[in-house]
């Protein structure tokens, strides 16, 4: 029984045969993460800054936008953008659909985190920076935003961790990232070992981030 388990899920020979396409898939996953994380952060920062506008005609639509894309499951949003938009004459392709879906979804989550960070910075910090002669945008960029990011750094790292894991959803639109390539190898070999190898690759990449998150959370608790 144990031998059957090893042969079906931990077959080293099959993993070595599938390794070249798994490695290409890993490269795509890392590239995708390097694109969608900065996109989400940029969108989140824009949302956080706009949410501080005095006009309710800015804040209310922005709140509706944020709630909408936080409520929609990322997989549903991705399928709609990839398969639904072509009926409207807009074909984004796999990369465009994934990038836009993650921008909309993760930007909304990052926006809420960064908004909380901005709210945590005392107003006196901006006033002090302005008293030193800094322009408002420069005071915001050099004084307020760094403190806001520091205050919510554990939440930002946790959200980024989730974003990297969610990149596996790109497999549903045939983007050749790690999970897609593992499933392709499984379909050819009729063996689940490539899927297990892909899971181990995710673990090796993300485990250091998990440990970093734990340290940041412990420091945040100790500093209270």
N, C-alpha and C. Protein backbone atom coordinates (compact mmCIF):
# COMPACT_ATOMS: atom_id res chain seq x y z
N UNK A 1 0.83 -1.21 0.00
CA UNK A 1 0.00 0.00 0.00
C UNK A 1 0.87 1.26 0.00
N UNK A 2 1.90 1.26 0.88
CA UNK A 2 2.78 2.42 0.94
C UNK A 2 3.53 2.61 -0.37
N UNK A 3 3.95 1.49 -0.97
CA UNK A 3 4.66 1.57 -2.24
C UNK A 3 3.76 2.16 -3.32
N UNK A 4 2.48 1.82 -3.31
CA UNK A 4 1.55 2.37 -4.29
C UNK A 4 1.40 3.89 -4.10
N UNK A 5 1.37 4.32 -2.84
CA UNK A 5 1.27 5.76 -2.54
C UNK A 5 2.50 6.50 -3.08
N UNK A 6 3.68 5.95 -2.80
CA UNK A 6 4.92 6.58 -3.26
C UNK A 6 4.95 6.63 -4.78
N UNK A 7 4.54 5.53 -5.42
CA UNK A 7 4.57 5.48 -6.87
C UNK A 7 3.60 6.47 -7.50
N UNK A 8 2.47 6.73 -6.84
CA UNK A 8 1.44 7.60 -7.40
C UNK A 8 1.67 9.08 -7.10
N UNK A 9 2.31 9.39 -5.95
CA UNK A 9 2.42 10.79 -5.52
C UNK A 9 3.86 11.27 -5.34
N UNK A 10 4.80 10.37 -5.16
CA UNK A 10 6.18 10.77 -4.88
C UNK A 10 7.15 10.06 -5.81
N UNK A 11 6.78 9.94 -7.06
CA UNK A 11 7.60 9.24 -8.03
C UNK A 11 8.69 10.16 -8.55
N UNK A 12 9.90 9.97 -8.07
CA UNK A 12 11.01 10.86 -8.41
C UNK A 12 11.33 10.80 -9.91
N UNK A 13 11.24 9.61 -10.48
CA UNK A 13 11.55 9.45 -11.91
C UNK A 13 10.61 10.31 -12.77
N UNK A 14 9.35 10.29 -12.44
CA UNK A 14 8.38 11.08 -13.22
C UNK A 14 8.61 12.58 -12.99
N UNK A 15 8.93 12.97 -11.77
CA UNK A 15 9.20 14.38 -11.49
C UNK A 15 10.41 14.86 -12.27
N UNK A 16 11.45 14.04 -12.35
CA UNK A 16 12.64 14.42 -13.11
C UNK A 16 12.33 14.54 -14.59
N UNK A 17 11.48 13.68 -15.11
CA UNK A 17 11.09 13.78 -16.52
C UNK A 17 10.26 15.03 -16.78
N UNK A 18 9.45 15.39 -15.79
CA UNK A 18 8.58 16.57 -15.96
C UNK A 18 9.27 17.86 -15.55
N UNK A 19 10.47 17.77 -14.99
CA UNK A 19 11.11 18.94 -14.41
C UNK A 19 11.30 20.10 -15.39
N UNK A 20 11.69 19.86 -16.64
CA UNK A 20 11.88 21.00 -17.56
C UNK A 20 10.63 21.86 -17.73
N UNK A 21 9.46 21.23 -17.89
CA UNK A 21 8.25 22.05 -18.07
C UNK A 21 7.79 22.63 -16.74
N UNK A 22 8.06 21.93 -15.63
CA UNK A 22 7.74 22.50 -14.32
C UNK A 22 8.60 23.74 -14.06
N UNK A 23 9.85 23.69 -14.48
CA UNK A 23 10.74 24.83 -14.29
C UNK A 23 10.28 26.02 -15.13
N UNK A 24 9.82 25.76 -16.35
CA UNK A 24 9.28 26.86 -17.17
C UNK A 24 8.03 27.43 -16.53
N UNK A 25 7.20 26.56 -15.97
CA UNK A 25 6.00 27.03 -15.29
C UNK A 25 6.33 27.86 -14.07
N UNK A 26 7.38 27.45 -13.33
CA UNK A 26 7.81 28.22 -12.16
C UNK A 26 8.28 29.61 -12.57
N UNK A 27 8.99 29.67 -13.70
CA UNK A 27 9.43 30.97 -14.20
C UNK A 27 8.25 31.88 -14.52
N UNK A 28 7.21 31.30 -15.14
CA UNK A 28 6.01 32.08 -15.44
C UNK A 28 5.31 32.55 -14.17
N UNK A 29 5.27 31.68 -13.16
CA UNK A 29 4.65 32.06 -11.88
C UNK A 29 5.38 33.22 -11.23
N UNK A 30 6.71 33.15 -11.22
CA UNK A 30 7.50 34.24 -10.63
C UNK A 30 7.33 35.53 -11.42
N UNK A 31 7.31 35.42 -12.75
CA UNK A 31 7.10 36.60 -13.58
C UNK A 31 5.73 37.20 -13.35
N UNK A 32 4.72 36.34 -13.28
CA UNK A 32 3.35 36.80 -13.04
C UNK A 32 3.26 37.50 -11.69
N UNK A 33 3.88 36.93 -10.66
CA UNK A 33 3.87 37.56 -9.34
C UNK A 33 4.56 38.91 -9.37
N UNK A 34 5.66 38.99 -10.13
CA UNK A 34 6.40 40.26 -10.22
C UNK A 34 5.60 41.33 -10.93
N UNK A 35 4.59 40.93 -11.71
CA UNK A 35 3.74 41.90 -12.41
C UNK A 35 2.53 42.27 -11.57
N UNK A 36 1.81 41.25 -11.06
CA UNK A 36 0.52 41.53 -10.43
C UNK A 36 0.65 42.15 -9.04
N UNK A 37 1.72 41.84 -8.31
CA UNK A 37 1.89 42.44 -6.97
C UNK A 37 2.11 43.94 -7.07
N UNK A 38 3.05 44.44 -7.89
CA UNK A 38 3.18 45.89 -8.03
C UNK A 38 1.92 46.55 -8.58
N UNK A 39 1.23 45.88 -9.51
CA UNK A 39 -0.02 46.43 -10.03
C UNK A 39 -1.04 46.60 -8.91
N UNK A 40 -1.19 45.56 -8.09
CA UNK A 40 -2.14 45.63 -6.99
C UNK A 40 -1.77 46.70 -5.99
N UNK A 41 -0.47 46.83 -5.69
CA UNK A 41 -0.02 47.85 -4.74
C UNK A 41 -0.28 49.25 -5.29
N UNK A 42 0.00 49.44 -6.58
CA UNK A 42 -0.23 50.76 -7.19
C UNK A 42 -1.72 51.10 -7.16
N UNK A 43 -2.56 50.12 -7.53
CA UNK A 43 -4.00 50.35 -7.48
C UNK A 43 -4.49 50.60 -6.07
N UNK A 44 -3.94 49.85 -5.12
CA UNK A 44 -4.33 50.03 -3.72
C UNK A 44 -3.94 51.38 -3.17
N UNK A 45 -2.74 51.84 -3.53
CA UNK A 45 -2.30 53.16 -3.06
C UNK A 45 -3.18 54.26 -3.63
N UNK A 46 -3.54 54.13 -4.92
CA UNK A 46 -4.44 55.12 -5.52
C UNK A 46 -5.79 55.14 -4.81
N UNK A 47 -6.32 53.96 -4.51
CA UNK A 47 -7.60 53.87 -3.81
C UNK A 47 -7.49 54.48 -2.42
N UNK A 48 -6.40 54.17 -1.70
CA UNK A 48 -6.23 54.69 -0.34
C UNK A 48 -6.14 56.21 -0.33
N UNK A 49 -5.43 56.77 -1.30
CA UNK A 49 -5.29 58.23 -1.34
C UNK A 49 -6.59 58.90 -1.74
N UNK A 50 -7.29 58.33 -2.72
CA UNK A 50 -8.56 58.92 -3.15
C UNK A 50 -9.63 58.80 -2.07
N UNK A 51 -9.53 57.77 -1.23
CA UNK A 51 -10.53 57.60 -0.18
C UNK A 51 -10.45 58.69 0.88
N UNK A 52 -9.36 59.45 0.88
CA UNK A 52 -9.21 60.54 1.82
C UNK A 52 -9.73 61.87 1.27
N UNK A 53 -10.30 61.83 0.05
CA UNK A 53 -10.85 63.04 -0.54
C UNK A 53 -12.03 63.55 0.28
N UNK A 54 -12.21 64.84 0.30
CA UNK A 54 -13.29 65.42 1.08
C UNK A 54 -14.64 65.25 0.40
N UNK A 55 -14.63 65.20 -0.93
CA UNK A 55 -15.88 65.12 -1.67
C UNK A 55 -16.50 63.73 -1.55
N UNK A 56 -17.76 63.68 -1.17
CA UNK A 56 -18.44 62.38 -1.08
C UNK A 56 -18.69 61.80 -2.45
N UNK A 57 -18.67 62.66 -3.50
CA UNK A 57 -18.84 62.16 -4.87
C UNK A 57 -17.61 61.38 -5.34
N UNK A 58 -16.54 61.51 -4.63
CA UNK A 58 -15.35 60.69 -4.89
C UNK A 58 -15.35 59.48 -3.96
N UNK A 59 -15.64 59.71 -2.67
CA UNK A 59 -15.54 58.64 -1.68
C UNK A 59 -16.60 57.57 -1.85
N UNK A 60 -17.84 57.94 -2.15
CA UNK A 60 -18.91 56.95 -2.25
C UNK A 60 -18.73 55.99 -3.44
N UNK A 61 -18.49 56.52 -4.66
CA UNK A 61 -18.25 55.58 -5.76
C UNK A 61 -17.02 54.72 -5.52
N UNK A 62 -16.00 55.31 -4.87
CA UNK A 62 -14.79 54.54 -4.59
C UNK A 62 -15.07 53.41 -3.60
N UNK A 63 -15.90 53.69 -2.60
CA UNK A 63 -16.27 52.65 -1.64
C UNK A 63 -17.06 51.53 -2.33
N UNK A 64 -17.96 51.92 -3.24
CA UNK A 64 -18.73 50.91 -3.99
C UNK A 64 -17.82 50.07 -4.86
N UNK A 65 -16.85 50.72 -5.51
CA UNK A 65 -15.87 50.03 -6.34
C UNK A 65 -15.08 49.00 -5.51
N UNK A 66 -14.59 49.45 -4.36
CA UNK A 66 -13.80 48.58 -3.50
C UNK A 66 -14.62 47.39 -2.99
N UNK A 67 -15.83 47.66 -2.54
CA UNK A 67 -16.68 46.58 -2.02
C UNK A 67 -17.02 45.58 -3.11
N UNK A 68 -17.24 46.08 -4.32
CA UNK A 68 -17.59 45.19 -5.43
C UNK A 68 -16.48 44.20 -5.72
N UNK A 69 -15.25 44.71 -5.87
CA UNK A 69 -14.16 43.82 -6.27
C UNK A 69 -13.58 43.02 -5.11
N UNK A 70 -13.90 43.42 -3.88
CA UNK A 70 -13.56 42.55 -2.75
C UNK A 70 -14.58 41.42 -2.60
N UNK A 71 -15.79 41.65 -3.07
CA UNK A 71 -16.85 40.65 -2.94
C UNK A 71 -16.81 39.60 -4.04
N UNK A 72 -16.36 40.00 -5.25
CA UNK A 72 -16.33 39.06 -6.37
C UNK A 72 -15.21 38.03 -6.19
N UNK A 73 -15.50 36.75 -6.33
CA UNK A 73 -14.43 35.75 -6.29
C UNK A 73 -13.45 35.99 -7.43
N UNK A 74 -12.15 35.96 -7.18
CA UNK A 74 -11.17 36.22 -8.24
C UNK A 74 -11.31 35.30 -9.44
N UNK A 75 -11.68 34.04 -9.20
CA UNK A 75 -11.82 33.10 -10.30
C UNK A 75 -12.97 33.52 -11.22
N UNK A 76 -14.08 33.93 -10.64
CA UNK A 76 -15.23 34.37 -11.45
C UNK A 76 -14.86 35.60 -12.25
N UNK A 77 -14.17 36.55 -11.61
CA UNK A 77 -13.75 37.76 -12.30
C UNK A 77 -12.81 37.44 -13.45
N UNK A 78 -11.87 36.54 -13.21
CA UNK A 78 -10.91 36.17 -14.25
C UNK A 78 -11.61 35.51 -15.44
N UNK A 79 -12.52 34.59 -15.18
CA UNK A 79 -13.23 33.92 -16.28
C UNK A 79 -14.07 34.91 -17.07
N UNK A 80 -14.71 35.85 -16.35
CA UNK A 80 -15.52 36.85 -17.06
C UNK A 80 -14.64 37.70 -17.98
N UNK A 81 -13.49 38.16 -17.48
CA UNK A 81 -12.62 39.00 -18.30
C UNK A 81 -12.04 38.23 -19.49
N UNK A 82 -11.71 36.96 -19.26
CA UNK A 82 -11.08 36.18 -20.32
C UNK A 82 -12.09 35.68 -21.35
N UNK A 83 -13.23 35.18 -20.86
CA UNK A 83 -14.19 34.55 -21.77
C UNK A 83 -15.38 35.45 -22.10
N UNK A 84 -15.67 36.44 -21.23
CA UNK A 84 -16.84 37.28 -21.46
C UNK A 84 -16.57 38.51 -22.29
N UNK A 85 -15.44 39.16 -22.07
CA UNK A 85 -15.15 40.39 -22.79
C UNK A 85 -15.02 40.20 -24.30
N UNK A 86 -14.52 39.05 -24.80
CA UNK A 86 -14.47 38.88 -26.26
C UNK A 86 -15.83 39.01 -26.93
N UNK A 87 -16.93 38.70 -26.23
CA UNK A 87 -18.26 38.88 -26.81
C UNK A 87 -18.60 40.36 -26.97
N UNK A 88 -17.85 41.23 -26.28
CA UNK A 88 -18.05 42.67 -26.38
C UNK A 88 -16.99 43.29 -27.29
N UNK A 89 -16.23 42.44 -27.96
CA UNK A 89 -15.22 42.93 -28.88
C UNK A 89 -13.89 43.26 -28.24
N UNK A 90 -13.67 42.83 -26.98
CA UNK A 90 -12.42 43.10 -26.28
C UNK A 90 -11.76 41.77 -25.92
N UNK A 91 -10.64 41.48 -26.54
CA UNK A 91 -9.92 40.24 -26.28
C UNK A 91 -8.59 40.58 -25.61
N UNK A 92 -8.51 40.34 -24.32
CA UNK A 92 -7.31 40.70 -23.57
C UNK A 92 -6.23 39.63 -23.65
N UNK A 93 -6.61 38.42 -23.99
CA UNK A 93 -5.66 37.32 -23.95
C UNK A 93 -5.40 36.89 -22.51
N UNK A 94 -4.72 35.76 -22.32
CA UNK A 94 -4.48 35.27 -20.96
C UNK A 94 -3.75 36.26 -20.07
N UNK A 95 -2.66 36.83 -20.56
CA UNK A 95 -1.87 37.74 -19.73
C UNK A 95 -2.68 38.98 -19.36
N UNK A 96 -3.35 39.57 -20.35
CA UNK A 96 -4.13 40.78 -20.07
C UNK A 96 -5.27 40.52 -19.11
N UNK A 97 -5.95 39.38 -19.27
CA UNK A 97 -7.07 39.06 -18.39
C UNK A 97 -6.60 38.83 -16.96
N UNK A 98 -5.50 38.10 -16.82
CA UNK A 98 -4.97 37.83 -15.47
C UNK A 98 -4.50 39.13 -14.82
N UNK A 99 -3.75 39.95 -15.56
CA UNK A 99 -3.24 41.20 -14.99
C UNK A 99 -4.38 42.12 -14.56
N UNK A 100 -5.42 42.24 -15.41
CA UNK A 100 -6.53 43.13 -15.07
C UNK A 100 -7.34 42.58 -13.89
N UNK A 101 -7.58 41.26 -13.89
CA UNK A 101 -8.35 40.66 -12.80
C UNK A 101 -7.64 40.84 -11.46
N UNK A 102 -6.33 40.62 -11.44
CA UNK A 102 -5.58 40.78 -10.20
C UNK A 102 -5.47 42.24 -9.81
N UNK A 103 -5.35 43.13 -10.78
CA UNK A 103 -5.31 44.56 -10.48
C UNK A 103 -6.60 45.00 -9.79
N UNK A 104 -7.74 44.55 -10.31
CA UNK A 104 -9.02 44.94 -9.74
C UNK A 104 -9.24 44.31 -8.36
N UNK A 105 -8.94 43.02 -8.26
CA UNK A 105 -9.21 42.31 -7.00
C UNK A 105 -8.21 42.66 -5.91
N UNK A 106 -6.93 42.51 -6.20
CA UNK A 106 -5.93 42.75 -5.16
C UNK A 106 -5.80 44.24 -4.86
N UNK A 107 -6.04 45.09 -5.87
CA UNK A 107 -5.99 46.52 -5.62
C UNK A 107 -7.00 46.94 -4.57
N UNK A 108 -8.18 46.32 -4.60
CA UNK A 108 -9.21 46.64 -3.62
C UNK A 108 -8.77 46.24 -2.21
N UNK A 109 -8.14 45.07 -2.08
CA UNK A 109 -7.67 44.63 -0.77
C UNK A 109 -6.49 45.47 -0.28
N UNK A 110 -5.53 45.69 -1.16
CA UNK A 110 -4.40 46.54 -0.78
C UNK A 110 -4.89 47.94 -0.40
N UNK A 111 -5.91 48.43 -1.11
CA UNK A 111 -6.43 49.75 -0.84
C UNK A 111 -6.96 49.88 0.57
N UNK A 112 -7.69 48.86 1.03
CA UNK A 112 -8.22 48.90 2.40
C UNK A 112 -7.10 48.84 3.44
N UNK A 113 -6.08 48.04 3.16
CA UNK A 113 -4.96 47.95 4.09
C UNK A 113 -4.21 49.28 4.16
N UNK A 114 -3.93 49.87 3.01
CA UNK A 114 -3.18 51.12 2.98
C UNK A 114 -4.01 52.28 3.53
N UNK A 115 -5.31 52.23 3.31
CA UNK A 115 -6.17 53.28 3.87
C UNK A 115 -6.09 53.25 5.41
N UNK A 116 -6.14 52.05 5.97
CA UNK A 116 -6.01 51.92 7.43
C UNK A 116 -4.64 52.43 7.88
N UNK A 117 -3.61 52.17 7.08
CA UNK A 117 -2.28 52.67 7.43
C UNK A 117 -2.22 54.18 7.41
N UNK A 118 -2.81 54.81 6.40
CA UNK A 118 -2.82 56.27 6.33
C UNK A 118 -3.60 56.87 7.50
N UNK A 119 -4.70 56.22 7.85
CA UNK A 119 -5.51 56.72 8.97
C UNK A 119 -4.77 56.60 10.30
N UNK A 120 -3.80 55.67 10.37
CA UNK A 120 -3.08 55.45 11.63
C UNK A 120 -1.99 56.49 11.87
N UNK A 121 -1.64 57.26 10.84
CA UNK A 121 -0.60 58.29 10.98
C UNK A 121 -1.21 59.55 11.57
N UNK A 122 -0.71 60.05 12.67
CA UNK A 122 -1.29 61.25 13.28
C UNK A 122 -1.25 62.44 12.32
N UNK A 123 -2.30 63.27 12.30
CA UNK A 123 -2.32 64.44 11.42
C UNK A 123 -1.14 65.38 11.66
N UNK A 124 -0.62 65.37 12.87
CA UNK A 124 0.50 66.25 13.18
C UNK A 124 1.74 65.98 12.35
N UNK A 125 1.87 64.75 11.82
CA UNK A 125 3.02 64.42 10.98
C UNK A 125 3.01 65.23 9.69
N UNK A 126 1.84 65.34 9.09
CA UNK A 126 1.70 66.15 7.88
C UNK A 126 1.93 67.63 8.20
N UNK A 127 1.37 68.08 9.31
CA UNK A 127 1.52 69.48 9.69
C UNK A 127 2.99 69.82 9.95
N UNK A 128 3.71 68.91 10.60
CA UNK A 128 5.13 69.15 10.87
C UNK A 128 5.93 69.19 9.57
N UNK A 129 5.60 68.29 8.64
CA UNK A 129 6.31 68.27 7.36
C UNK A 129 6.03 69.55 6.57
N UNK A 130 4.80 70.02 6.62
CA UNK A 130 4.45 71.27 5.93
C UNK A 130 5.16 72.45 6.59
N UNK A 131 5.30 72.41 7.91
CA UNK A 131 6.00 73.49 8.62
C UNK A 131 7.47 73.56 8.23
N UNK A 132 8.04 72.43 7.82
CA UNK A 132 9.43 72.40 7.38
C UNK A 132 9.60 72.87 5.94
N UNK A 133 8.48 73.18 5.29
CA UNK A 133 8.53 73.71 3.93
C UNK A 133 8.29 72.71 2.83
N UNK A 134 7.91 71.48 3.18
CA UNK A 134 7.65 70.48 2.14
C UNK A 134 6.30 70.75 1.50
N UNK A 135 6.25 70.55 0.20
CA UNK A 135 4.97 70.65 -0.50
C UNK A 135 4.06 69.51 -0.04
N UNK A 136 2.73 69.66 -0.17
CA UNK A 136 1.82 68.62 0.32
C UNK A 136 2.10 67.24 -0.25
N UNK A 137 2.31 67.15 -1.58
CA UNK A 137 2.53 65.83 -2.18
C UNK A 137 3.86 65.24 -1.73
N UNK A 138 4.87 66.12 -1.51
CA UNK A 138 6.17 65.63 -1.06
C UNK A 138 6.11 65.19 0.39
N UNK A 139 5.36 65.93 1.21
CA UNK A 139 5.18 65.53 2.61
C UNK A 139 4.45 64.20 2.69
N UNK A 140 3.47 64.02 1.82
CA UNK A 140 2.72 62.75 1.80
C UNK A 140 3.63 61.60 1.40
N UNK A 141 4.44 61.81 0.38
CA UNK A 141 5.28 60.75 -0.16
C UNK A 141 6.46 60.41 0.75
N UNK A 142 7.06 61.42 1.37
CA UNK A 142 8.27 61.21 2.16
C UNK A 142 8.01 60.97 3.64
N UNK A 143 6.89 61.45 4.14
CA UNK A 143 6.65 61.39 5.58
C UNK A 143 5.47 60.48 5.93
N UNK A 144 4.32 60.72 5.31
CA UNK A 144 3.10 60.02 5.71
C UNK A 144 3.07 58.59 5.20
N UNK A 145 3.30 58.40 3.90
CA UNK A 145 3.19 57.06 3.31
C UNK A 145 4.20 56.07 3.92
N UNK A 146 5.49 56.44 4.12
CA UNK A 146 6.39 55.47 4.76
C UNK A 146 5.92 55.03 6.14
N UNK A 147 5.39 55.97 6.93
CA UNK A 147 4.89 55.58 8.25
C UNK A 147 3.66 54.69 8.14
N UNK A 148 2.79 55.00 7.17
CA UNK A 148 1.59 54.20 6.97
C UNK A 148 1.95 52.77 6.58
N UNK A 149 2.91 52.63 5.68
CA UNK A 149 3.35 51.30 5.24
C UNK A 149 3.95 50.53 6.40
N UNK A 150 4.76 51.19 7.21
CA UNK A 150 5.37 50.53 8.37
C UNK A 150 4.31 50.05 9.36
N UNK A 151 3.27 50.84 9.54
CA UNK A 151 2.23 50.49 10.51
C UNK A 151 1.42 49.27 10.08
N UNK A 152 1.30 49.05 8.77
CA UNK A 152 0.47 47.93 8.29
C UNK A 152 1.31 46.92 7.52
N UNK A 153 2.62 46.92 7.75
CA UNK A 153 3.51 46.02 7.00
C UNK A 153 3.12 44.55 7.14
N UNK A 154 2.79 44.04 8.34
CA UNK A 154 2.38 42.62 8.41
C UNK A 154 1.17 42.32 7.53
N UNK A 155 0.20 43.23 7.49
CA UNK A 155 -0.98 43.00 6.65
C UNK A 155 -0.62 43.03 5.17
N UNK A 156 0.29 43.92 4.78
CA UNK A 156 0.72 43.99 3.39
C UNK A 156 1.44 42.71 2.97
N UNK A 157 2.32 42.21 3.84
CA UNK A 157 3.05 40.98 3.54
C UNK A 157 2.07 39.80 3.45
N UNK A 158 1.11 39.73 4.38
CA UNK A 158 0.12 38.66 4.36
C UNK A 158 -0.70 38.70 3.08
N UNK A 159 -1.10 39.90 2.67
CA UNK A 159 -1.88 40.03 1.45
C UNK A 159 -1.07 39.63 0.22
N UNK A 160 0.21 40.00 0.23
CA UNK A 160 1.08 39.64 -0.89
C UNK A 160 1.25 38.13 -0.97
N UNK A 161 1.35 37.49 0.18
CA UNK A 161 1.44 36.03 0.22
C UNK A 161 0.22 35.39 -0.45
N UNK A 162 -0.96 35.92 -0.15
CA UNK A 162 -2.18 35.39 -0.75
C UNK A 162 -2.21 35.64 -2.25
N UNK A 163 -1.70 36.79 -2.67
CA UNK A 163 -1.69 37.12 -4.10
C UNK A 163 -0.82 36.12 -4.87
N UNK A 164 0.36 35.82 -4.32
CA UNK A 164 1.25 34.87 -5.00
C UNK A 164 0.57 33.50 -5.12
N UNK A 165 -0.11 33.07 -4.06
CA UNK A 165 -0.80 31.78 -4.12
C UNK A 165 -1.94 31.82 -5.14
N UNK A 166 -2.60 32.96 -5.23
CA UNK A 166 -3.72 33.07 -6.16
C UNK A 166 -3.29 33.07 -7.63
N UNK A 167 -1.99 33.27 -7.88
CA UNK A 167 -1.55 33.24 -9.28
C UNK A 167 -1.81 31.87 -9.91
N UNK A 168 -2.02 30.85 -9.08
CA UNK A 168 -2.33 29.52 -9.62
C UNK A 168 -3.66 29.52 -10.37
N UNK A 169 -4.52 30.53 -10.11
CA UNK A 169 -5.79 30.62 -10.84
C UNK A 169 -5.57 30.88 -12.33
N UNK A 170 -4.40 31.40 -12.67
CA UNK A 170 -4.12 31.68 -14.08
C UNK A 170 -4.15 30.42 -14.93
N UNK A 171 -4.05 29.26 -14.29
CA UNK A 171 -4.08 28.00 -15.04
C UNK A 171 -5.41 27.78 -15.75
N UNK A 172 -6.50 28.39 -15.23
CA UNK A 172 -7.81 28.16 -15.84
C UNK A 172 -7.94 28.87 -17.19
N UNK A 173 -7.06 29.83 -17.47
CA UNK A 173 -7.10 30.50 -18.78
C UNK A 173 -5.91 30.06 -19.62
N UNK A 174 -5.38 28.89 -19.31
CA UNK A 174 -4.31 28.24 -20.08
C UNK A 174 -3.01 29.03 -20.08
N UNK A 175 -2.80 29.85 -19.06
CA UNK A 175 -1.48 30.48 -18.93
C UNK A 175 -0.51 29.43 -18.39
N UNK A 176 0.63 29.24 -19.03
CA UNK A 176 1.52 28.14 -18.65
C UNK A 176 2.33 28.41 -17.39
N UNK A 177 1.63 28.71 -16.29
CA UNK A 177 2.34 28.89 -15.02
C UNK A 177 2.54 27.52 -14.37
N UNK A 178 3.00 27.51 -13.13
CA UNK A 178 3.44 26.27 -12.50
C UNK A 178 2.35 25.21 -12.39
N UNK A 179 1.17 25.59 -11.91
CA UNK A 179 0.11 24.61 -11.74
C UNK A 179 -0.37 24.08 -13.08
N UNK A 180 -0.48 24.95 -14.08
CA UNK A 180 -0.91 24.50 -15.42
C UNK A 180 0.07 23.47 -15.97
N UNK A 181 1.35 23.76 -15.85
CA UNK A 181 2.36 22.82 -16.37
C UNK A 181 2.34 21.51 -15.59
N UNK A 182 2.10 21.59 -14.29
CA UNK A 182 2.03 20.37 -13.48
C UNK A 182 0.83 19.52 -13.90
N UNK A 183 -0.29 20.19 -14.17
CA UNK A 183 -1.47 19.44 -14.62
C UNK A 183 -1.25 18.84 -16.00
N UNK A 184 -0.53 19.54 -16.86
CA UNK A 184 -0.20 18.98 -18.17
C UNK A 184 0.66 17.73 -18.02
N UNK A 185 1.65 17.81 -17.14
CA UNK A 185 2.51 16.64 -16.92
C UNK A 185 1.71 15.49 -16.31
N UNK A 186 0.79 15.80 -15.43
CA UNK A 186 -0.04 14.75 -14.83
C UNK A 186 -0.89 14.06 -15.89
N UNK A 187 -1.44 14.86 -16.82
CA UNK A 187 -2.31 14.27 -17.85
C UNK A 187 -1.53 13.36 -18.80
N UNK A 188 -0.24 13.62 -18.95
CA UNK A 188 0.59 12.81 -19.85
C UNK A 188 1.08 11.55 -19.14
N UNK A 189 1.46 11.69 -17.87
CA UNK A 189 2.05 10.56 -17.14
C UNK A 189 1.03 9.75 -16.36
N UNK A 190 -0.20 10.28 -16.23
CA UNK A 190 -1.24 9.63 -15.40
C UNK A 190 -0.74 9.40 -13.98
N UNK A 191 -0.04 10.41 -13.46
CA UNK A 191 0.56 10.30 -12.15
C UNK A 191 0.50 11.68 -11.48
N UNK A 192 0.20 11.70 -10.18
CA UNK A 192 0.03 12.97 -9.46
C UNK A 192 1.33 13.56 -8.94
N UNK A 193 2.45 12.89 -9.19
CA UNK A 193 3.73 13.38 -8.66
C UNK A 193 4.07 14.79 -9.13
N UNK A 194 3.81 15.18 -10.39
CA UNK A 194 4.11 16.57 -10.79
C UNK A 194 3.30 17.60 -10.01
N UNK A 195 2.07 17.26 -9.62
CA UNK A 195 1.27 18.17 -8.80
C UNK A 195 1.90 18.34 -7.42
N UNK A 196 2.37 17.23 -6.85
CA UNK A 196 3.04 17.30 -5.55
C UNK A 196 4.32 18.12 -5.66
N UNK A 197 5.05 17.94 -6.76
CA UNK A 197 6.28 18.72 -6.97
C UNK A 197 5.96 20.21 -7.06
N UNK A 198 4.87 20.55 -7.74
CA UNK A 198 4.46 21.96 -7.83
C UNK A 198 4.11 22.51 -6.45
N UNK A 199 3.42 21.71 -5.65
CA UNK A 199 3.08 22.14 -4.29
C UNK A 199 4.34 22.37 -3.47
N UNK A 200 5.33 21.51 -3.62
CA UNK A 200 6.59 21.69 -2.89
C UNK A 200 7.32 22.94 -3.36
N UNK A 201 7.23 23.25 -4.65
CA UNK A 201 7.86 24.47 -5.16
C UNK A 201 7.21 25.70 -4.55
N UNK A 202 5.88 25.71 -4.46
CA UNK A 202 5.20 26.81 -3.79
C UNK A 202 5.65 26.93 -2.34
N UNK A 203 5.76 25.79 -1.67
CA UNK A 203 6.17 25.79 -0.26
C UNK A 203 7.56 26.38 -0.10
N UNK A 204 8.49 25.96 -0.94
CA UNK A 204 9.88 26.43 -0.84
C UNK A 204 9.95 27.94 -1.07
N UNK A 205 9.16 28.43 -2.01
CA UNK A 205 9.18 29.87 -2.31
C UNK A 205 8.51 30.68 -1.21
N UNK A 206 7.39 30.19 -0.70
CA UNK A 206 6.57 31.00 0.22
C UNK A 206 6.90 30.80 1.68
N UNK A 207 7.55 29.71 2.04
CA UNK A 207 7.85 29.49 3.45
C UNK A 207 8.69 30.61 4.07
N UNK A 208 9.74 31.12 3.37
CA UNK A 208 10.47 32.25 3.96
C UNK A 208 9.58 33.48 4.18
N UNK A 209 8.62 33.69 3.28
CA UNK A 209 7.71 34.82 3.44
C UNK A 209 6.82 34.61 4.65
N UNK A 210 6.38 33.38 4.86
CA UNK A 210 5.55 33.06 6.04
C UNK A 210 6.34 33.32 7.32
N UNK A 211 7.61 32.92 7.34
CA UNK A 211 8.43 33.16 8.52
C UNK A 211 8.64 34.66 8.74
N UNK A 212 8.86 35.40 7.65
CA UNK A 212 8.99 36.86 7.77
C UNK A 212 7.73 37.47 8.33
N UNK A 213 6.59 37.00 7.86
CA UNK A 213 5.32 37.51 8.35
C UNK A 213 5.17 37.24 9.84
N UNK A 214 5.55 36.07 10.30
CA UNK A 214 5.46 35.75 11.72
C UNK A 214 6.34 36.68 12.56
N UNK A 215 7.53 36.97 12.06
CA UNK A 215 8.42 37.87 12.79
C UNK A 215 7.85 39.28 12.85
N UNK A 216 7.28 39.74 11.73
CA UNK A 216 6.69 41.08 11.71
C UNK A 216 5.51 41.17 12.66
N UNK A 217 4.69 40.12 12.67
CA UNK A 217 3.53 40.12 13.57
C UNK A 217 3.98 40.11 15.03
N UNK A 218 5.01 39.33 15.34
CA UNK A 218 5.52 39.28 16.72
C UNK A 218 6.09 40.63 17.13
N UNK A 219 6.81 41.30 16.21
CA UNK A 219 7.36 42.63 16.52
C UNK A 219 6.24 43.63 16.73
N UNK A 220 5.16 43.52 15.90
CA UNK A 220 4.04 44.45 16.03
C UNK A 220 3.35 44.26 17.39
N UNK A 221 3.21 43.00 17.81
CA UNK A 221 2.57 42.71 19.10
C UNK A 221 3.45 43.21 20.25
N UNK A 222 4.76 42.98 20.13
CA UNK A 222 5.69 43.40 21.18
C UNK A 222 5.77 44.92 21.31
N UNK A 223 5.54 45.62 20.18
CA UNK A 223 5.64 47.07 20.20
C UNK A 223 4.40 47.77 20.71
N UNK A 224 3.34 47.02 20.95
CA UNK A 224 2.10 47.64 21.43
C UNK A 224 2.18 47.95 22.93
